[in-house]
């Protein structure tokens, strides 16, 4: 549990510095230790949104909502992911 907290805090620090790729990697390491901690998934979803990885963000939010069906952050970030996917789809149609 101590390693989990350390990795999570490191991920949070990377987010504060705007280092979203490194933060996502730390959160992914956390998931290897605990797959049921929803904040790790919503935090990683935030990183994916910042990196324009909308499908990955949506998947993390879907996972959270299977565990906690009223998680507001997961709903909000999934909506942002859907919005990003729609914009990408429109841009691809214009090419």
C-alpha atoms as a PDB file:
ATOM      1  CA  UNK A   1       0.000   0.000   0.000  1.00  0.00           C
ATOM      2  CA  UNK A   2       2.913   2.342   0.691  1.00  0.00           C
ATOM      3  CA  UNK A   3       4.262   1.873  -2.847  1.00  0.00           C
ATOM      4  CA  UNK A   4       0.793   2.595  -4.231  1.00  0.00           C
ATOM      5  CA  UNK A   5       0.584   5.906  -2.349  1.00  0.00           C
ATOM      6  CA  UNK A   6       4.077   6.884  -3.431  1.00  0.00           C
ATOM      7  CA  UNK A   7       3.326   6.193  -7.100  1.00  0.00           C
ATOM      8  CA  UNK A   8       0.016   8.056  -6.881  1.00  0.00           C
ATOM      9  CA  UNK A   9       1.703  11.086  -5.312  1.00  0.00           C
ATOM     10  CA  UNK A  10       4.412  11.013  -7.975  1.00  0.00           C
ATOM     11  CA  UNK A  11       1.711  10.925 -10.639  1.00  0.00           C
ATOM     12  CA  UNK A  12      -0.072  13.853  -9.000  1.00  0.00           C
ATOM     13  CA  UNK A  13       3.195  15.811  -8.932  1.00  0.00           C
ATOM     14  CA  UNK A  14       3.729  15.167 -12.654  1.00  0.00           C
ATOM     15  CA  UNK A  15       0.189  16.430 -13.361  1.00  0.00           C
ATOM     16  CA  UNK A  16       0.928  19.641 -11.455  1.00  0.00           C
ATOM     17  CA  UNK A  17       4.022  20.132 -13.627  1.00  0.00           C
ATOM     18  CA  UNK A  18       2.080  19.437 -16.827  1.00  0.00           C
ATOM     19  CA  UNK A  19       3.996  16.210 -17.479  1.00  0.00           C
ATOM     20  CA  UNK A  20       0.941  14.174 -18.449  1.00  0.00           C
ATOM     21  CA  UNK A  21       2.716  11.268 -20.135  1.00  0.00           C
ATOM     22  CA  UNK A  22       4.854  10.607 -17.060  1.00  0.00           C
ATOM     23  CA  UNK A  23       1.826  11.013 -14.797  1.00  0.00           C
ATOM     24  CA  UNK A  24      -0.177   8.493 -16.839  1.00  0.00           C
ATOM     25  CA  UNK A  25       2.718   6.042 -16.535  1.00  0.00           C
ATOM     26  CA  UNK A  26       2.745   6.418 -12.732  1.00  0.00           C
ATOM     27  CA  UNK A  27      -1.006   5.873 -12.557  1.00  0.00           C
ATOM     28  CA  UNK A  28      -0.653   2.795 -14.757  1.00  0.00           C
ATOM     29  CA  UNK A  29       1.915   1.423 -12.295  1.00  0.00           C
ATOM     30  CA  UNK A  30      -0.576   2.064  -9.481  1.00  0.00           C
ATOM     31  CA  UNK A  31      -3.177  -0.001 -11.333  1.00  0.00           C
ATOM     32  CA  UNK A  32      -0.889  -3.006 -11.220  1.00  0.00           C
ATOM     33  CA  UNK A  33      -1.101  -2.788  -7.424  1.00  0.00           C
ATOM     34  CA  UNK A  34      -4.810  -1.938  -7.082  1.00  0.00           C
ATOM     35  CA  UNK A  35      -7.366  -2.165  -9.902  1.00  0.00           C
ATOM     36  CA  UNK A  36     -10.296  -1.008  -7.777  1.00  0.00           C
ATOM     37  CA  UNK A  37      -9.077   2.490  -6.839  1.00  0.00           C
ATOM     38  CA  UNK A  38     -11.255   4.750  -8.988  1.00  0.00           C
ATOM     39  CA  UNK A  39      -9.266   7.951  -8.485  1.00  0.00           C
ATOM     40  CA  UNK A  40      -6.324   6.420 -10.327  1.00  0.00           C
ATOM     41  CA  UNK A  41      -8.493   5.811 -13.389  1.00  0.00           C
ATOM     42  CA  UNK A  42     -10.046   9.290 -13.332  1.00  0.00           C
ATOM     43  CA  UNK A  43      -6.600  10.830 -12.859  1.00  0.00           C
ATOM     44  CA  UNK A  44      -5.198   8.865 -15.769  1.00  0.00           C
ATOM     45  CA  UNK A  45      -8.252   9.832 -17.836  1.00  0.00           C
ATOM     46  CA  UNK A  46      -7.375  13.481 -17.192  1.00  0.00           C
ATOM     47  CA  UNK A  47      -3.858  12.823 -18.468  1.00  0.00           C
ATOM     48  CA  UNK A  48      -5.194  11.102 -21.567  1.00  0.00           C
ATOM     49  CA  UNK A  49      -7.521  14.032 -22.246  1.00  0.00           C
ATOM     50  CA  UNK A  50      -4.592  16.443 -22.030  1.00  0.00           C
ATOM     51  CA  UNK A  51      -2.687  14.182 -24.447  1.00  0.00           C
ATOM     52  CA  UNK A  52      -5.682  14.009 -26.845  1.00  0.00           C
ATOM     53  CA  UNK A  53      -5.960  10.250 -26.257  1.00  0.00           C
ATOM     54  CA  UNK A  54      -9.740  10.379 -26.115  1.00  0.00           C
ATOM     55  CA  UNK A  55     -10.483   6.692 -26.598  1.00  0.00           C
ATOM     56  CA  UNK A  56      -8.160   5.746 -23.735  1.00  0.00           C
ATOM     57  CA  UNK A  57      -9.739   8.402 -21.508  1.00  0.00           C
ATOM     58  CA  UNK A  58     -13.203   7.072 -22.327  1.00  0.00           C
ATOM     59  CA  UNK A  59     -12.152   3.520 -21.464  1.00  0.00           C
ATOM     60  CA  UNK A  60     -10.793   4.591 -18.070  1.00  0.00           C
ATOM     61  CA  UNK A  61     -14.017   6.445 -17.309  1.00  0.00           C
ATOM     62  CA  UNK A  62     -16.123   3.472 -18.438  1.00  0.00           C
ATOM     63  CA  UNK A  63     -14.161   1.283 -16.025  1.00  0.00           C
ATOM     64  CA  UNK A  64     -14.806   3.653 -13.126  1.00  0.00           C
ATOM     65  CA  UNK A  65     -18.510   3.851 -13.906  1.00  0.00           C
ATOM     66  CA  UNK A  66     -18.767   0.065 -13.774  1.00  0.00           C
ATOM     67  CA  UNK A  67     -17.445   0.234 -10.197  1.00  0.00           C
ATOM     68  CA  UNK A  68     -19.042   3.531  -9.084  1.00  0.00           C
ATOM     69  CA  UNK A  69     -22.039   4.325 -11.269  1.00  0.00           C
ATOM     70  CA  UNK A  70     -22.389   7.851  -9.856  1.00  0.00           C
ATOM     71  CA  UNK A  71     -18.770   9.047 -10.066  1.00  0.00           C
ATOM     72  CA  UNK A  72     -19.086  12.667 -11.214  1.00  0.00           C
ATOM     73  CA  UNK A  73     -15.478  13.023 -12.392  1.00  0.00           C
ATOM     74  CA  UNK A  74     -15.815   9.912 -14.526  1.00  0.00           C
ATOM     75  CA  UNK A  75     -19.031  11.212 -16.115  1.00  0.00           C
ATOM     76  CA  UNK A  76     -17.494  14.615 -16.780  1.00  0.00           C
ATOM     77  CA  UNK A  77     -14.229  13.313 -18.186  1.00  0.00           C
ATOM     78  CA  UNK A  78     -16.035  10.740 -20.322  1.00  0.00           C
ATOM     79  CA  UNK A  79     -18.138  13.559 -21.773  1.00  0.00           C
ATOM     80  CA  UNK A  80     -14.940  15.452 -22.603  1.00  0.00           C
ATOM     81  CA  UNK A  81     -13.554  12.301 -24.219  1.00  0.00           C
ATOM     82  CA  UNK A  82     -16.696  11.906 -26.339  1.00  0.00           C
ATOM     83  CA  UNK A  83     -16.425  15.556 -27.346  1.00  0.00           C
ATOM     84  CA  UNK A  84     -12.794  15.051 -28.351  1.00  0.00           C
ATOM     85  CA  UNK A  85     -13.708  11.959 -30.353  1.00  0.00           C
ATOM     86  CA  UNK A  86     -16.474  13.858 -32.171  1.00  0.00           C
ATOM     87  CA  UNK A  87     -14.131  16.732 -33.069  1.00  0.00           C
ATOM     88  CA  UNK A  88     -11.550  14.255 -34.345  1.00  0.00           C
ATOM     89  CA  UNK A  89     -14.233  12.480 -36.386  1.00  0.00           C
ATOM     90  CA  UNK A  90     -15.357  15.767 -37.962  1.00  0.00           C
ATOM     91  CA  UNK A  91     -11.766  16.727 -38.761  1.00  0.00           C
ATOM     92  CA  UNK A  92     -11.142  13.358 -40.394  1.00  0.00           C
ATOM     93  CA  UNK A  93     -14.303  13.740 -42.493  1.00  0.00           C
ATOM     94  CA  UNK A  94     -12.997  17.042 -43.836  1.00  0.00           C
ATOM     95  CA  UNK A  95      -9.738  15.532 -45.066  1.00  0.00           C
END
